[in-house]
Amino acid sequence: MIENLLVMIGGLALFMYAITLLRETLSKISGKRVAKILEKTTDSPVKGMGVGTAATLMTQSSSITVLTLIGFVNAGMMTFRQSVHVMLGSEIGTTITAQLVSFKIGIDFAWLLIAIGFFMPMLLKNENAKLTGRVIFSLGLLFLSMDFMKNGAAELGESQVFVNLIIAFGVIPIFGILIGATIAGITQSSSATTSLVIAMSMAGVIGLPAAIALIMGANIGTCFLENMAAIGATTPAKRTAIAQTIINIVGVAVFFPFFGQFADIVALTSNDLPRQIANAHTIFNVTVSFMLIPFVGLIVKLCEKLIPDKEGEIIGTHFFDDEMRHMPQVALLEAQKEMIATGELTVKMIDLSRKALLHRDLEAAQKVVRYEDKVDDSCRATETFIDKIREEELNEADTKWRMKLLAILVDIERVGDLTSNIAEFAIDRLTAEISFSAAAVADMEDMFKLVEETYATSIDALRTRNKDVAERAILLEDKVDKLERELREGHEKRTAAGVCMPQADSVFVETLRNLERVSDHADNIAADVLMKY
């Protein structure tokens, strides 16, 4: 019996590996689509559910979807109410795995899928073909693991103790629900638990009532990871985690009094027991999700009462949160958003430093100094976040882009430093009462204008990933270099003629140097956008 139990557990472990491999591969294929889908979430319950369903179909994990939702709520990218709508959809999306594994394809076909999926990446160089091969390989492992679990369960079916235990799940459903919740809590996968139950039904050792009890419990047990992730998170994120638990517990509670009738209805959907179990999983989740739509407001209020607001709590300091790392491509896009926002702030700093230096605006200079601290904080946080994104779950293009983003981050941070230098020059000019000639001011206005245009264009290229815009930034940078040489020569002539104060020399020259370096960083950013990856 112990040997057979180990075969079944080993099959479950292989299944979990296969589903993880499938999820990681699908993330490389469809990660950007998931990000765009999640960002389209609105206050419409139906649209939100559609988003949650689509995202979970692409990731093959409702837990990963909910963890990412926690990250979005933590970052202030999504409201708590919106996350509940998406969550209801994720419950529907997760049912596809059960439907898939309930097909009886045979062990020979499973090995064929494994062979095809293994050799495709070796024979084909195209990355899409390689990823397709990994999907096929993962599916083969899924079906192979189902066969292992089925064989292990079949032998266990000869044990009267095991049989009596399974029968008890159907006679006393609450017992099966608790066991299902425990298994899902340990495996952190309702799909794995449901697939194990389907494998047991293929072996003929479990009936429909006992299976339904187990899969109901699996829905509750999968909430454990989300609640653990919410520890230390913001109040809205904690509410998101507890809402998932409430939804699943309420769903089971509503179905529980009609357990027998539900089993009878499910039995009519197919003559095949594994398919009946998969259908029970689908019907239960779909029904609960649509049933709770009218009560989303009540769920939100209940969660707000259970977890009240924290006084002085700040939501959404950055565009990202660590929980987003469960979807690496989503995380990369959100990190890029943070960088763009920081880049736009540094564009503003260039203009403020101009006002500070050329118009003796002390308030503008002080703003630049304050903003520079924000830029440093954002760049440090973004670098740490990007470093945590797992390269192995990114496709080849995104892996290269991840490295480029780290380089661009350095450029943005340096621009913040350079504008802060100019603000310091402005403060020195005010303190020492250094004056510029009218010609010097006019020349410097032209330089500031061109540099700001060059750098803003490079940030626009980063935002749009538009190569034409990037090429324009590079051309503008060439103009900056030419103008910098002309202005330096003009300044030298004015100094020699005594038009400009000697004390103004270092301020003028150093400002020119800092502005030219800003344009160099703009050129770096544009070049990174242009580079093939």
Protein backbone atom coordinates (compact mmCIF):
# COMPACT_ATOMS: atom_id res chain seq x y z
CA MET A 1 0.00 0.00 0.00
CA ILE A 2 2.86 2.39 0.84
CA GLU A 3 4.44 1.74 -2.56
CA ASN A 4 1.19 2.53 -4.36
CA LEU A 5 0.68 5.64 -2.27
CA LEU A 6 4.15 6.81 -3.26
CA VAL A 7 3.32 6.20 -6.94
CA MET A 8 0.21 8.37 -6.59
CA ILE A 9 2.10 11.11 -4.72
CA GLY A 10 4.91 10.93 -7.27
CA GLY A 11 2.35 11.29 -10.04
CA LEU A 12 0.93 14.33 -8.26
CA ALA A 13 4.43 15.84 -7.98
CA LEU A 14 4.99 15.24 -11.71
CA PHE A 15 1.64 16.88 -12.44
CA MET A 16 2.60 19.95 -10.42
CA TYR A 17 5.91 20.17 -12.27
CA ALA A 18 4.11 19.86 -15.61
CA ILE A 19 1.57 22.55 -14.76
CA THR A 20 4.38 24.86 -13.56
CA LEU A 21 6.31 24.28 -16.79
CA LEU A 22 3.13 24.91 -18.80
CA ARG A 23 2.41 28.11 -16.86
CA GLU A 24 5.96 29.43 -17.33
CA THR A 25 5.85 28.68 -21.05
CA LEU A 26 2.43 30.26 -21.51
CA SER A 27 3.77 33.28 -19.61
CA LYS A 28 6.52 33.68 -22.19
CA ILE A 29 4.01 33.37 -25.01
CA SER A 30 1.13 35.44 -23.66
CA GLY A 31 2.54 37.45 -20.73
CA LYS A 32 2.20 40.81 -22.49
CA ARG A 33 -1.39 40.01 -23.43
CA VAL A 34 -2.14 39.22 -19.78
CA ALA A 35 -0.70 42.58 -18.74
CA LYS A 36 -2.79 44.44 -21.30
CA ILE A 37 -5.89 42.46 -20.31
CA LEU A 38 -5.44 43.23 -16.60
CA GLU A 39 -4.91 46.92 -17.34
CA LYS A 40 -8.26 47.06 -19.14
CA THR A 41 -10.14 46.19 -15.98
CA THR A 42 -13.09 48.50 -15.37
CA ASP A 43 -15.80 48.79 -12.75
CA SER A 44 -18.05 46.64 -14.94
CA PRO A 45 -18.51 43.26 -13.19
CA VAL A 46 -18.95 41.33 -16.44
CA LYS A 47 -15.88 42.90 -18.08
CA GLY A 48 -13.88 42.31 -14.91
CA MET A 49 -14.90 38.67 -14.87
CA GLY A 50 -13.93 38.36 -18.53
CA VAL A 51 -10.50 39.79 -17.71
CA GLY A 52 -10.05 37.34 -14.82
CA THR A 53 -11.14 34.38 -16.93
CA ALA A 54 -8.83 35.29 -19.81
CA ALA A 55 -5.85 35.98 -17.54
CA THR A 56 -6.25 32.66 -15.72
CA LEU A 57 -6.67 30.73 -18.97
CA MET A 58 -3.34 32.16 -20.11
CA THR A 59 -1.51 31.54 -16.83
CA GLN A 60 -3.20 28.26 -15.89
CA SER A 61 -3.33 29.33 -12.24
CA SER A 62 -6.02 31.23 -10.36
CA SER A 63 -3.57 31.59 -7.45
CA ILE A 64 -1.05 33.39 -9.68
CA THR A 65 -3.82 35.64 -11.01
CA VAL A 66 -5.00 36.55 -7.51
CA LEU A 67 -1.43 37.13 -6.27
CA THR A 68 -0.88 39.48 -9.19
CA LEU A 69 -4.16 41.22 -8.34
CA ILE A 70 -2.81 41.79 -4.84
CA GLY A 71 0.24 43.39 -6.45
CA PHE A 72 -1.90 45.65 -8.62
CA VAL A 73 -4.00 46.74 -5.63
CA ASN A 74 -0.85 47.29 -3.55
CA ALA A 75 0.54 49.51 -6.29
CA GLY A 76 -2.72 51.44 -6.58
CA MET A 77 -3.12 50.28 -10.21
CA MET A 78 -6.47 48.68 -9.46
CA THR A 79 -9.20 49.31 -6.91
CA PHE A 80 -10.24 46.66 -4.41
CA ARG A 81 -13.69 46.44 -6.00
CA GLN A 82 -12.19 45.89 -9.46
CA SER A 83 -10.00 43.10 -8.08
CA VAL A 84 -13.08 41.27 -6.78
CA HIS A 85 -14.61 41.30 -10.26
CA VAL A 86 -11.41 39.88 -11.77
CA MET A 87 -11.22 37.33 -8.98
CA LEU A 88 -14.68 35.97 -9.82
CA GLY A 89 -13.48 35.47 -13.39
CA SER A 90 -10.33 33.69 -12.27
CA GLU A 91 -12.51 31.05 -10.63
CA ILE A 92 -13.96 30.28 -14.06
CA GLY A 93 -10.62 30.31 -15.88
CA THR A 94 -9.11 27.71 -13.59
CA THR A 95 -11.64 25.04 -14.64
CA ILE A 96 -9.99 24.47 -18.03
CA THR A 97 -7.29 22.20 -16.55
CA ALA A 98 -9.84 19.76 -15.14
CA GLN A 99 -11.63 19.63 -18.49
CA LEU A 100 -8.32 18.99 -20.24
CA VAL A 101 -7.06 16.14 -18.04
CA SER A 102 -10.44 14.37 -18.06
CA PHE A 103 -9.77 13.31 -21.66
CA LYS A 104 -8.67 9.68 -21.84
CA ILE A 105 -5.94 9.95 -24.44
CA GLY A 106 -3.97 6.86 -23.47
CA ILE A 107 -0.43 6.42 -22.24
CA ASP A 108 0.98 5.90 -25.77
CA PHE A 109 -0.29 9.29 -26.92
CA ALA A 110 1.14 10.90 -23.76
CA TRP A 111 4.59 9.52 -24.59
CA LEU A 112 4.19 10.71 -28.19
CA LEU A 113 3.47 14.26 -26.98
CA ILE A 114 6.51 14.12 -24.70
CA ALA A 115 8.74 12.95 -27.56
CA ILE A 116 7.46 15.60 -29.99
CA GLY A 117 7.71 18.34 -27.38
CA PHE A 118 11.22 17.30 -26.38
CA PHE A 119 12.72 17.14 -29.86
CA MET A 120 10.97 20.21 -31.37
CA PRO A 121 13.18 22.77 -29.53
CA MET A 122 16.27 20.78 -30.56
CA LEU A 123 15.37 20.64 -34.24
CA LEU A 124 13.79 24.07 -34.71
CA LYS A 125 15.62 27.34 -34.03
CA ASN A 126 12.61 29.68 -34.06
CA GLU A 127 11.75 30.72 -30.49
CA ASN A 128 7.99 30.42 -31.07
CA ALA A 129 8.49 26.87 -32.31
CA LYS A 130 10.60 26.09 -29.26
CA LEU A 131 7.93 27.46 -26.93
CA THR A 132 5.26 25.47 -28.77
CA GLY A 133 7.37 22.39 -28.22
CA ARG A 134 7.55 23.11 -24.50
CA VAL A 135 3.75 23.44 -24.37
CA ILE A 136 3.37 20.06 -26.10
CA PHE A 137 5.97 18.54 -23.75
CA SER A 138 4.12 19.94 -20.72
CA LEU A 139 0.81 18.51 -21.93
CA GLY A 140 2.45 15.12 -22.42
CA LEU A 141 3.76 15.23 -18.85
CA LEU A 142 0.29 16.19 -17.60
CA PHE A 143 -1.30 13.14 -19.20
CA LEU A 144 1.59 10.90 -18.10
CA SER A 145 1.22 12.09 -14.50
CA MET A 146 -2.51 11.34 -14.68
CA ASP A 147 -1.66 7.77 -15.65
CA PHE A 148 0.74 7.44 -12.69
CA MET A 149 -1.85 8.80 -10.29
CA LYS A 150 -4.50 6.51 -11.76
CA ASN A 151 -2.29 3.41 -11.43
CA GLY A 152 -1.33 4.24 -7.86
CA ALA A 153 -4.95 4.85 -6.92
CA ALA A 154 -6.07 1.61 -8.61
CA GLU A 155 -3.85 -0.47 -6.35
CA LEU A 156 -4.94 1.52 -3.32
CA GLY A 157 -8.52 0.70 -4.27
CA GLU A 158 -7.86 -2.86 -3.13
CA SER A 159 -7.35 -1.58 0.42
CA GLN A 160 -10.60 -1.68 2.39
CA VAL A 161 -9.37 1.11 4.67
CA PHE A 162 -8.82 3.38 1.68
CA VAL A 163 -12.16 2.45 0.13
CA ASN A 164 -14.03 3.13 3.38
CA LEU A 165 -12.29 6.49 3.67
CA ILE A 166 -13.35 7.49 0.14
CA ILE A 167 -16.92 6.33 0.76
CA ALA A 168 -17.01 8.49 3.90
CA PHE A 169 -16.26 11.55 1.78
CA GLY A 170 -19.53 11.03 -0.09
CA VAL A 171 -21.61 10.07 2.94
CA ILE A 172 -20.22 12.89 5.09
CA PRO A 173 -19.37 15.65 2.56
CA ILE A 174 -17.88 18.00 5.17
CA PHE A 175 -15.15 15.41 5.77
CA GLY A 176 -14.27 15.36 2.05
CA ILE A 177 -14.35 19.16 1.90
CA LEU A 178 -11.84 19.40 4.75
CA ILE A 179 -9.55 16.81 3.15
CA GLY A 180 -9.77 18.58 -0.23
CA ALA A 181 -8.95 21.91 1.40
CA THR A 182 -5.96 20.35 3.17
CA ILE A 183 -4.56 18.79 -0.02
CA ALA A 184 -5.00 22.07 -1.96
CA GLY A 185 -3.45 24.00 0.91
CA ILE A 186 -0.38 21.76 0.82
CA THR A 187 -0.03 21.68 -2.98
CA GLN A 188 -1.18 25.30 -3.38
CA SER A 189 -3.10 24.21 -6.45
CA SER A 190 -6.79 23.50 -6.81
CA SER A 191 -6.02 22.21 -10.32
CA ALA A 192 -3.61 19.61 -8.93
CA THR A 193 -6.14 18.48 -6.32
CA THR A 194 -8.97 18.28 -8.85
CA SER A 195 -6.77 16.38 -11.31
CA LEU A 196 -5.81 13.91 -8.57
CA VAL A 197 -9.50 13.31 -7.91
CA ILE A 198 -10.13 12.79 -11.65
CA ALA A 199 -7.24 10.30 -11.78
CA MET A 200 -8.76 8.40 -8.86
CA SER A 201 -12.08 8.28 -10.71
CA MET A 202 -10.29 6.84 -13.76
CA ALA A 203 -9.02 4.10 -11.47
CA GLY A 204 -12.57 3.45 -10.31
CA VAL A 205 -11.85 4.07 -6.62
CA ILE A 206 -13.96 7.18 -6.09
CA GLY A 207 -17.57 8.08 -6.81
CA LEU A 208 -19.10 11.35 -7.92
CA PRO A 209 -20.38 12.55 -4.48
CA ALA A 210 -16.99 12.03 -2.82
CA ALA A 211 -15.23 13.69 -5.77
CA ILE A 212 -17.50 16.75 -5.57
CA ALA A 213 -16.77 17.11 -1.85
CA LEU A 214 -13.02 17.03 -2.51
CA ILE A 215 -13.07 19.60 -5.34
CA MET A 216 -15.26 21.93 -3.27
CA GLY A 217 -12.68 21.75 -0.52
CA ALA A 218 -9.89 22.37 -3.03
CA ASN A 219 -11.40 25.75 -3.88
CA ILE A 220 -11.11 26.78 -0.23
CA GLY A 221 -7.61 25.38 0.32
CA THR A 222 -6.10 27.30 -2.58
CA CYS A 223 -6.75 30.58 -0.73
CA PHE A 224 -3.98 29.86 1.78
CA LEU A 225 -1.16 31.23 -0.42
CA GLU A 226 -3.02 34.46 -1.20
CA ASN A 227 -3.63 35.15 2.48
CA MET A 228 0.02 34.48 3.29
CA ALA A 229 1.04 36.89 0.53
CA ALA A 230 -1.20 39.59 1.98
CA ILE A 231 0.67 39.62 5.30
CA GLY A 232 2.42 42.96 5.49
CA ALA A 233 0.66 44.23 2.39
CA THR A 234 -1.52 47.32 2.15
CA THR A 235 -5.05 47.32 3.51
CA PRO A 236 -6.71 47.01 0.05
CA ALA A 237 -4.43 44.08 -0.79
CA LYS A 238 -5.34 42.30 2.46
CA ARG A 239 -8.97 42.84 1.59
CA THR A 240 -8.35 41.31 -1.83
CA ALA A 241 -6.92 38.16 -0.24
CA ILE A 242 -9.70 37.77 2.29
CA ALA A 243 -12.33 38.42 -0.42
CA GLN A 244 -11.02 35.36 -2.28
CA THR A 245 -11.52 33.27 0.86
CA ILE A 246 -15.01 34.64 1.45
CA ILE A 247 -16.03 33.95 -2.16
CA ASN A 248 -14.92 30.32 -1.99
CA ILE A 249 -16.36 29.62 1.46
CA VAL A 250 -19.70 31.23 0.56
CA GLY A 251 -19.80 29.22 -2.67
CA VAL A 252 -19.34 25.94 -0.82
CA ALA A 253 -21.83 26.98 1.89
CA VAL A 254 -24.51 27.76 -0.71
CA PHE A 255 -24.06 24.44 -2.53
CA PHE A 256 -23.67 22.32 0.60
CA PRO A 257 -27.41 21.97 1.50
CA PHE A 258 -28.10 20.80 -2.07
CA PHE A 259 -25.14 18.47 -2.29
CA GLY A 260 -27.15 15.40 -3.33
CA GLN A 261 -29.24 17.26 -5.89
CA PHE A 262 -26.11 18.85 -7.38
CA ALA A 263 -24.50 15.42 -7.77
CA ASP A 264 -27.64 14.15 -9.51
CA ILE A 265 -27.65 17.07 -11.97
CA VAL A 266 -23.95 16.64 -12.74
CA ALA A 267 -24.48 12.92 -13.40
CA LEU A 268 -26.77 13.89 -16.28
CA THR A 269 -24.03 15.85 -18.08
CA SER A 270 -22.03 12.80 -19.17
CA ASN A 271 -21.83 9.03 -18.93
CA ASP A 272 -18.10 9.26 -18.17
CA LEU A 273 -17.22 9.74 -14.47
CA PRO A 274 -13.98 11.76 -15.02
CA ARG A 275 -15.90 14.08 -17.34
CA GLN A 276 -18.68 14.36 -14.75
CA ILE A 277 -16.14 15.48 -12.14
CA ALA A 278 -14.62 18.04 -14.54
CA ASN A 279 -18.13 19.29 -15.33
CA ALA A 280 -18.94 19.51 -11.61
CA HIS A 281 -15.85 21.67 -11.11
CA THR A 282 -16.84 23.93 -14.02
CA ILE A 283 -20.53 24.20 -13.08
CA PHE A 284 -19.71 24.93 -9.44
CA ASN A 285 -17.19 27.69 -10.20
CA VAL A 286 -19.20 29.31 -13.00
CA THR A 287 -22.40 29.26 -10.95
CA VAL A 288 -20.75 30.71 -7.84
CA SER A 289 -19.06 33.48 -9.84
CA PHE A 290 -22.24 34.64 -11.59
CA MET A 291 -24.31 34.14 -8.44
CA LEU A 292 -22.07 36.53 -6.49
CA ILE A 293 -22.02 39.36 -9.04
CA PRO A 294 -24.99 41.16 -7.40
CA PHE A 295 -23.29 40.81 -4.00
CA VAL A 296 -19.89 42.28 -4.90
CA GLY A 297 -20.79 45.50 -3.09
CA LEU A 298 -21.72 43.53 0.02
CA ILE A 299 -18.46 41.53 -0.15
CA VAL A 300 -16.50 44.78 -0.47
CA LYS A 301 -18.26 46.31 2.55
CA LEU A 302 -17.73 43.15 4.62
CA CYS A 303 -14.01 43.09 3.82
CA GLU A 304 -13.74 46.80 4.63
CA LYS A 305 -15.37 46.13 7.99
CA LEU A 306 -13.13 43.15 8.73
CA ILE A 307 -10.00 45.09 7.70
CA PRO A 308 -10.54 48.81 8.39
CA ASP A 309 -8.48 51.60 6.85
CA LYS A 310 -5.13 52.44 8.41
CA GLU A 311 -4.67 56.07 9.23
CA GLY A 312 -1.91 57.66 7.15
CA GLU A 313 -1.41 54.57 4.95
CA ILE A 314 0.00 55.42 1.52
CA ILE A 315 -1.23 53.35 -1.42
CA GLY A 316 0.64 53.13 -4.71
CA THR A 317 4.08 54.62 -4.06
CA HIS A 318 5.29 52.96 -7.26
CA PHE A 319 3.65 51.40 -10.33
CA PHE A 320 4.74 47.96 -9.19
CA ASP A 321 4.59 45.63 -6.22
CA ASP A 322 6.56 42.47 -5.44
CA GLU A 323 3.50 40.24 -5.93
CA MET A 324 3.50 41.19 -9.62
CA ARG A 325 6.66 39.11 -9.97
CA HIS A 326 4.45 36.01 -10.15
CA MET A 327 3.75 37.17 -13.73
CA PRO A 328 7.25 38.22 -14.89
CA GLN A 329 6.21 39.91 -18.13
CA VAL A 330 3.52 41.87 -16.29
CA ALA A 331 6.17 42.85 -13.74
CA LEU A 332 8.55 43.99 -16.49
CA LEU A 333 5.89 46.18 -18.09
CA GLU A 334 4.96 47.75 -14.77
CA ALA A 335 8.64 48.44 -14.01
CA GLN A 336 8.88 50.10 -17.42
CA LYS A 337 5.86 52.27 -16.52
CA GLU A 338 7.60 53.39 -13.35
CA MET A 339 10.71 54.25 -15.34
CA ILE A 340 8.69 56.27 -17.86
CA ALA A 341 7.00 58.19 -15.05
CA THR A 342 10.40 58.90 -13.49
CA GLY A 343 11.76 59.91 -16.89
CA GLU A 344 8.88 62.34 -17.35
CA LEU A 345 9.68 63.81 -13.95
CA THR A 346 13.29 64.38 -15.02
CA VAL A 347 12.03 66.13 -18.17
CA LYS A 348 10.16 68.50 -15.87
CA MET A 349 13.34 68.93 -13.83
CA ILE A 350 15.22 70.18 -16.90
CA ASP A 351 12.68 72.96 -17.37
CA LEU A 352 12.69 73.81 -13.67
CA SER A 353 16.48 74.00 -13.63
CA ARG A 354 16.27 76.40 -16.59
CA LYS A 355 13.88 78.67 -14.70
CA ALA A 356 16.06 78.44 -11.62
CA LEU A 357 19.29 79.37 -13.41
CA LEU A 358 18.17 81.84 -16.04
CA HIS A 359 15.24 83.48 -14.24
CA ARG A 360 16.66 83.42 -10.71
CA ASP A 361 13.77 81.27 -9.50
CA LEU A 362 14.77 79.93 -6.08
CA GLU A 363 11.54 77.95 -5.66
CA ALA A 364 12.18 76.14 -8.95
CA ALA A 365 15.71 75.25 -7.79
CA GLN A 366 14.38 73.86 -4.51
CA LYS A 367 11.80 71.77 -6.40
CA VAL A 368 14.55 70.23 -8.51
CA VAL A 369 16.48 69.24 -5.39
CA ARG A 370 13.35 67.68 -3.86
CA TYR A 371 12.46 65.87 -7.09
CA GLU A 372 15.98 64.49 -7.31
CA ASP A 373 15.36 62.57 -4.08
CA LYS A 374 12.18 61.12 -5.62
CA VAL A 375 14.08 60.11 -8.73
CA ASP A 376 16.77 58.36 -6.67
CA ASP A 377 14.15 56.52 -4.60
CA SER A 378 12.24 55.41 -7.69
CA CYS A 379 15.38 54.27 -9.52
CA ARG A 380 16.65 52.27 -6.53
CA ALA A 381 13.27 50.61 -6.00
CA THR A 382 12.86 49.84 -9.71
CA GLU A 383 16.35 48.37 -10.00
CA THR A 384 15.70 46.11 -7.01
CA PHE A 385 12.35 45.06 -8.46
CA ILE A 386 13.76 44.28 -11.92
CA ASP A 387 16.61 42.28 -10.35
CA LYS A 388 13.97 40.06 -8.73
CA ILE A 389 12.18 39.29 -12.01
CA ARG A 390 13.02 35.72 -13.02
CA GLU A 391 14.79 35.66 -16.38
CA GLU A 392 13.91 32.00 -16.93
CA GLU A 393 10.23 32.92 -17.19
CA LEU A 394 10.85 35.62 -19.81
CA ASN A 395 11.14 34.98 -23.51
CA GLU A 396 14.37 35.82 -25.32
CA ALA A 397 13.28 39.32 -26.40
CA ASP A 398 12.06 40.28 -22.92
CA THR A 399 15.23 38.92 -21.31
CA LYS A 400 17.29 41.30 -23.46
CA TRP A 401 14.87 44.16 -22.84
CA ARG A 402 15.15 43.55 -19.09
CA MET A 403 18.90 44.20 -19.34
CA LYS A 404 18.28 47.31 -21.45
CA LEU A 405 15.84 48.67 -18.88
CA LEU A 406 18.49 48.39 -16.18
CA ALA A 407 20.87 50.40 -18.38
CA ILE A 408 18.20 53.00 -19.18
CA LEU A 409 17.45 53.28 -15.48
CA VAL A 410 21.04 54.43 -14.90
CA ASP A 411 20.64 57.06 -17.63
CA ILE A 412 17.43 58.42 -16.08
CA GLU A 413 19.00 58.58 -12.64
CA ARG A 414 22.05 60.43 -13.99
CA VAL A 415 19.82 63.00 -15.70
CA GLY A 416 18.20 63.64 -12.32
CA ASP A 417 21.66 64.19 -10.84
CA LEU A 418 22.68 66.54 -13.67
CA THR A 419 19.59 68.73 -13.36
CA SER A 420 20.18 68.86 -9.62
CA ASN A 421 23.72 70.10 -10.35
CA ILE A 422 22.28 72.91 -12.46
CA ALA A 423 19.85 73.80 -9.67
CA GLU A 424 22.81 74.03 -7.31
CA PHE A 425 24.54 76.35 -9.82
CA ALA A 426 21.40 78.50 -9.79
CA ILE A 427 21.47 78.74 -6.00
CA ASP A 428 25.19 79.67 -6.14
CA ARG A 429 24.40 82.32 -8.75
CA LEU A 430 21.71 83.82 -6.52
CA THR A 431 23.95 83.71 -3.44
CA ALA A 432 26.99 85.26 -5.15
CA GLU A 433 24.87 87.63 -7.25
CA ILE A 434 26.48 86.44 -10.48
CA SER A 435 24.97 88.04 -13.58
CA PHE A 436 24.80 86.72 -17.16
CA SER A 437 24.84 88.93 -20.21
CA ALA A 438 21.71 89.10 -22.36
CA ALA A 439 23.53 87.14 -25.07
CA ALA A 440 24.55 84.43 -22.59
CA VAL A 441 20.98 84.09 -21.35
CA ALA A 442 19.64 83.87 -24.91
CA ASP A 443 22.24 81.24 -25.85
CA MET A 444 21.52 79.19 -22.75
CA GLU A 445 17.76 79.37 -23.39
CA ASP A 446 18.38 77.80 -26.81
CA MET A 447 20.53 75.09 -25.25
CA PHE A 448 17.99 74.24 -22.58
CA LYS A 449 15.20 74.12 -25.17
CA LEU A 450 17.09 71.77 -27.48
CA VAL A 451 18.31 69.50 -24.69
CA GLU A 452 14.83 69.23 -23.17
CA GLU A 453 13.38 68.36 -26.59
CA THR A 454 16.09 65.74 -27.15
CA TYR A 455 15.63 64.08 -23.78
CA ALA A 456 11.80 64.26 -23.89
CA THR A 457 11.93 62.60 -27.31
CA SER A 458 14.05 59.76 -25.94
CA ILE A 459 11.58 59.20 -23.09
CA ASP A 460 8.75 59.20 -25.64
CA ALA A 461 10.69 56.57 -27.59
CA LEU A 462 10.91 54.49 -24.41
CA ARG A 463 7.18 54.88 -23.79
CA THR A 464 6.11 54.00 -27.32
CA ARG A 465 9.01 51.67 -28.27
CA ASN A 466 8.90 53.58 -31.57
CA LYS A 467 12.15 53.35 -33.52
CA ASP A 468 11.38 56.41 -35.64
CA VAL A 469 11.04 58.50 -32.47
CA ALA A 470 14.30 57.02 -31.15
CA GLU A 471 16.11 57.94 -34.38
CA ARG A 472 14.80 61.49 -34.08
CA ALA A 473 16.24 61.73 -30.56
CA ILE A 474 19.64 60.64 -31.86
CA LEU A 475 19.55 63.27 -34.59
CA LEU A 476 18.61 65.92 -32.04
CA GLU A 477 21.55 64.85 -29.87
CA ASP A 478 23.90 65.58 -32.78
CA LYS A 479 22.45 69.09 -32.89
CA VAL A 480 23.09 69.48 -29.16
CA ASP A 481 26.76 68.59 -29.62
CA LYS A 482 27.09 71.16 -32.41
CA LEU A 483 25.26 73.85 -30.44
CA GLU A 484 27.35 73.17 -27.32
CA ARG A 485 30.56 73.83 -29.29
CA GLU A 486 29.14 77.03 -30.77
CA LEU A 487 27.96 78.36 -27.40
CA ARG A 488 31.28 77.55 -25.74
CA GLU A 489 33.14 79.49 -28.43
CA GLY A 490 30.70 82.43 -28.12
CA HIS A 491 31.15 82.46 -24.35
CA GLU A 492 34.93 82.49 -24.69
CA LYS A 493 34.71 85.50 -27.02
CA ARG A 494 32.39 87.37 -24.65
CA THR A 495 34.67 86.64 -21.68
CA ALA A 496 37.72 87.85 -23.59
CA ALA A 497 35.85 91.03 -24.55
CA GLY A 498 34.83 91.62 -20.92
CA VAL A 499 31.10 91.32 -21.73
CA CYS A 500 30.55 88.55 -19.15
CA MET A 501 31.62 88.57 -15.51
CA PRO A 502 34.65 86.33 -14.81
CA GLN A 503 32.65 84.73 -11.96
CA ALA A 504 30.04 83.61 -14.51
CA ASP A 505 32.56 81.55 -16.43
CA SER A 506 32.47 78.38 -14.34
CA VAL A 507 28.66 78.47 -13.94
CA PHE A 508 28.09 78.94 -17.68
CA VAL A 509 30.64 76.35 -18.77
CA GLU A 510 29.58 73.73 -16.19
CA THR A 511 25.93 74.22 -17.09
CA LEU A 512 26.76 73.65 -20.75
CA ARG A 513 28.70 70.52 -19.82
CA ASN A 514 25.84 69.14 -17.69
CA LEU A 515 23.27 69.82 -20.41
CA GLU A 516 25.44 68.14 -23.04
CA ARG A 517 25.71 65.10 -20.76
CA VAL A 518 21.90 65.05 -20.44
CA SER A 519 21.70 64.78 -24.21
CA ASP A 520 24.29 61.97 -24.13
CA HIS A 521 22.01 60.01 -21.81
CA ALA A 522 19.10 60.74 -24.15
CA ASP A 523 21.20 59.25 -26.95
CA ASN A 524 21.88 56.15 -24.83
CA ILE A 525 18.16 55.64 -24.16
CA ALA A 526 17.26 56.06 -27.83
CA ALA A 527 20.04 53.66 -28.88
CA ASP A 528 18.73 51.02 -26.46
CA VAL A 529 15.23 51.36 -27.93
CA LEU A 530 16.67 51.01 -31.45
CA MET A 531 18.81 47.97 -30.66
CA LYS A 532 17.49 44.69 -32.01
CA TYR A 533 16.33 42.20 -29.38
